[in-house]
């Protein structure tokens, strides 16, 4: 087992920051069905609220069934795992995710028409927690394990 230096941790945190920026930008884009599975390999495991999916094809099928999203990462932490060479990265994320279109906010308010506005749960932000294990393959990292869970 090798010891990690403060430089190793700093490099890992910069890598995690870049990964999360690209991952959530891809996930929240119109190209998410094609783009997100590219982060995974055939052996990759994704657990979405307790349901397991293995490999890019299964992950693609899941994403196709989910509504559009907008993620807001509120905090993350990254730990290089020194027992692997090169070190794998363990990244924990917490934040908010909104499902469905937010276009309803631009529509005329029901209150103006004298009606009580309805609350659509799909457009309400939900707290989430997500944990990634990234493994190095050549010069790039891929998602080896991914656990997503709604917190509230």
Protein backbone atom coordinates (compact mmCIF):
# COMPACT_ATOMS: atom_id res chain seq x y z
CA UNK A 1 0.00 0.00 0.00
CA UNK A 2 1.43 3.33 -1.03
CA UNK A 3 1.13 6.52 0.95
CA UNK A 4 -0.66 9.44 -0.61
CA UNK A 5 0.90 12.88 -0.59
CA UNK A 6 -0.96 16.16 -0.28
CA UNK A 7 -0.18 16.64 -3.98
CA UNK A 8 -1.97 13.35 -4.77
CA UNK A 9 -5.04 14.55 -2.90
CA UNK A 10 -4.95 17.94 -4.62
CA UNK A 11 -4.69 16.31 -8.06
CA UNK A 12 -7.56 13.95 -7.19
CA UNK A 13 -9.75 16.87 -6.10
CA UNK A 14 -9.06 18.78 -9.31
CA UNK A 15 -9.92 15.64 -11.29
CA UNK A 16 -13.13 15.16 -9.31
CA UNK A 17 -14.13 18.78 -9.89
CA UNK A 18 -13.64 18.40 -13.65
CA UNK A 19 -15.40 15.01 -13.74
CA UNK A 20 -18.45 16.32 -11.88
CA UNK A 21 -18.67 19.43 -14.06
CA UNK A 22 -18.61 17.36 -17.26
CA UNK A 23 -20.77 14.49 -15.92
CA UNK A 24 -23.68 16.65 -14.71
CA UNK A 25 -23.49 18.98 -17.74
CA UNK A 26 -23.82 15.88 -19.94
CA UNK A 27 -26.57 14.37 -17.78
CA UNK A 28 -28.58 17.61 -17.90
CA UNK A 29 -28.16 18.08 -21.66
CA UNK A 30 -30.32 17.07 -24.60
CA UNK A 31 -27.62 14.52 -25.51
CA UNK A 32 -27.71 12.71 -22.15
CA UNK A 33 -28.98 9.39 -23.57
CA UNK A 34 -25.94 9.16 -25.84
CA UNK A 35 -23.45 10.93 -23.58
CA UNK A 36 -23.88 9.58 -20.05
CA UNK A 37 -23.31 5.88 -20.88
CA UNK A 38 -19.86 6.79 -22.27
CA UNK A 39 -18.70 7.36 -18.68
CA UNK A 40 -19.31 3.65 -17.91
CA UNK A 41 -17.87 0.28 -19.03
CA UNK A 42 -19.50 -3.14 -19.43
CA UNK A 43 -18.51 -4.06 -15.87
CA UNK A 44 -19.74 -0.77 -14.37
CA UNK A 45 -22.50 -0.94 -11.77
CA UNK A 46 -25.10 1.79 -11.22
CA UNK A 47 -27.55 1.54 -8.32
CA UNK A 48 -30.40 4.02 -8.77
CA UNK A 49 -32.55 4.25 -5.64
CA UNK A 50 -31.88 0.61 -4.80
CA UNK A 51 -32.24 -0.83 -8.32
CA UNK A 52 -29.04 -2.17 -9.91
CA UNK A 53 -28.00 -1.70 -13.53
CA UNK A 54 -24.85 -3.13 -15.15
CA UNK A 55 -23.12 -1.74 -18.22
CA UNK A 56 -23.84 1.08 -20.66
CA UNK A 57 -26.83 -0.59 -22.36
CA UNK A 58 -28.76 -0.98 -19.09
CA UNK A 59 -27.80 2.55 -18.04
CA UNK A 60 -29.02 3.89 -21.40
CA UNK A 61 -32.37 2.14 -20.90
CA UNK A 62 -32.69 3.72 -17.44
CA UNK A 63 -31.88 7.22 -18.67
CA UNK A 64 -34.38 6.90 -21.53
CA UNK A 65 -37.13 6.30 -18.93
CA UNK A 66 -36.22 9.26 -16.71
CA UNK A 67 -37.51 12.81 -17.27
CA UNK A 68 -35.13 15.63 -18.13
CA UNK A 69 -33.07 16.88 -15.19
CA UNK A 70 -31.18 19.83 -13.79
CA UNK A 71 -28.60 19.00 -11.11
CA UNK A 72 -27.20 21.50 -8.64
CA UNK A 73 -24.16 20.12 -6.83
CA UNK A 74 -24.03 21.68 -3.38
CA UNK A 75 -21.00 19.83 -2.06
CA UNK A 76 -18.65 17.00 -2.91
CA UNK A 77 -15.65 15.26 -1.45
CA UNK A 78 -13.01 13.17 -3.16
CA UNK A 79 -10.67 10.56 -1.73
CA UNK A 80 -7.98 8.79 -3.72
CA UNK A 81 -7.92 5.09 -2.85
CA UNK A 82 -4.25 4.30 -2.30
CA UNK A 83 -4.68 0.51 -2.37
CA UNK A 84 -5.07 0.64 -6.16
CA UNK A 85 -2.43 1.67 -8.64
CA UNK A 86 -3.02 4.16 -10.09
CA UNK A 87 -5.30 5.35 -7.30
CA UNK A 88 -9.04 4.98 -7.85
CA UNK A 89 -11.17 7.95 -6.80
CA UNK A 90 -14.08 7.80 -4.36
CA UNK A 91 -16.34 10.83 -4.88
CA UNK A 92 -19.35 11.63 -2.72
CA UNK A 93 -21.82 14.26 -3.92
CA UNK A 94 -24.85 15.95 -2.40
CA UNK A 95 -27.13 18.40 -4.08
CA UNK A 96 -30.51 19.12 -5.61
CA UNK A 97 -32.05 17.66 -8.75
CA UNK A 98 -35.13 18.94 -10.54
CA UNK A 99 -37.00 16.58 -12.88
CA UNK A 100 -39.27 17.66 -15.72
CA UNK A 101 -39.41 20.92 -17.54
CA UNK A 102 -39.10 24.15 -15.63
CA UNK A 103 -40.97 25.89 -18.44
CA UNK A 104 -44.06 25.97 -16.22
CA UNK A 105 -42.46 28.89 -14.38
CA UNK A 106 -42.82 30.99 -17.52
CA UNK A 107 -46.54 30.18 -17.92
CA UNK A 108 -49.16 32.62 -16.58
CA UNK A 109 -49.81 32.12 -12.89
CA UNK A 110 -53.02 30.30 -11.92
CA UNK A 111 -53.37 32.79 -9.06
CA UNK A 112 -53.97 35.55 -11.58
CA UNK A 113 -56.96 33.66 -12.93
CA UNK A 114 -58.32 33.26 -9.39
CA UNK A 115 -57.33 29.61 -9.10
CA UNK A 116 -55.07 27.90 -6.61
CA UNK A 117 -51.77 27.02 -8.29
CA UNK A 118 -51.00 23.31 -8.46
CA UNK A 119 -47.67 21.96 -7.25
CA UNK A 120 -46.11 19.62 -9.76
CA UNK A 121 -43.71 17.34 -7.92
CA UNK A 122 -41.73 16.86 -11.14
CA UNK A 123 -40.59 20.48 -11.09
CA UNK A 124 -39.74 20.58 -7.36
CA UNK A 125 -36.05 20.17 -6.45
CA UNK A 126 -35.23 16.98 -4.56
CA UNK A 127 -32.18 16.37 -2.39
CA UNK A 128 -29.91 13.63 -3.69
CA UNK A 129 -26.74 11.84 -2.67
CA UNK A 130 -24.48 10.17 -5.22
CA UNK A 131 -21.27 8.22 -4.77
CA UNK A 132 -18.87 7.37 -7.61
CA UNK A 133 -15.86 5.08 -7.75
CA UNK A 134 -13.67 6.10 -10.70
CA UNK A 135 -11.04 3.72 -12.07
CA UNK A 136 -8.23 4.67 -14.42
CA UNK A 137 -8.18 3.21 -17.92
CA UNK A 138 -5.26 4.45 -20.00
CA UNK A 139 -5.13 8.22 -19.53
CA UNK A 140 -8.80 8.58 -18.53
CA UNK A 141 -11.03 7.58 -15.65
CA UNK A 142 -14.35 5.77 -16.04
CA UNK A 143 -17.20 5.15 -13.59
CA UNK A 144 -16.75 1.72 -12.08
CA UNK A 145 -19.52 2.09 -9.48
CA UNK A 146 -22.24 4.70 -9.06
CA UNK A 147 -24.84 4.83 -6.28
CA UNK A 148 -27.63 7.42 -6.59
CA UNK A 149 -30.25 7.94 -3.87
CA UNK A 150 -32.95 10.53 -3.20
CA UNK A 151 -32.48 11.76 0.37
CA UNK A 152 -35.84 13.40 1.00
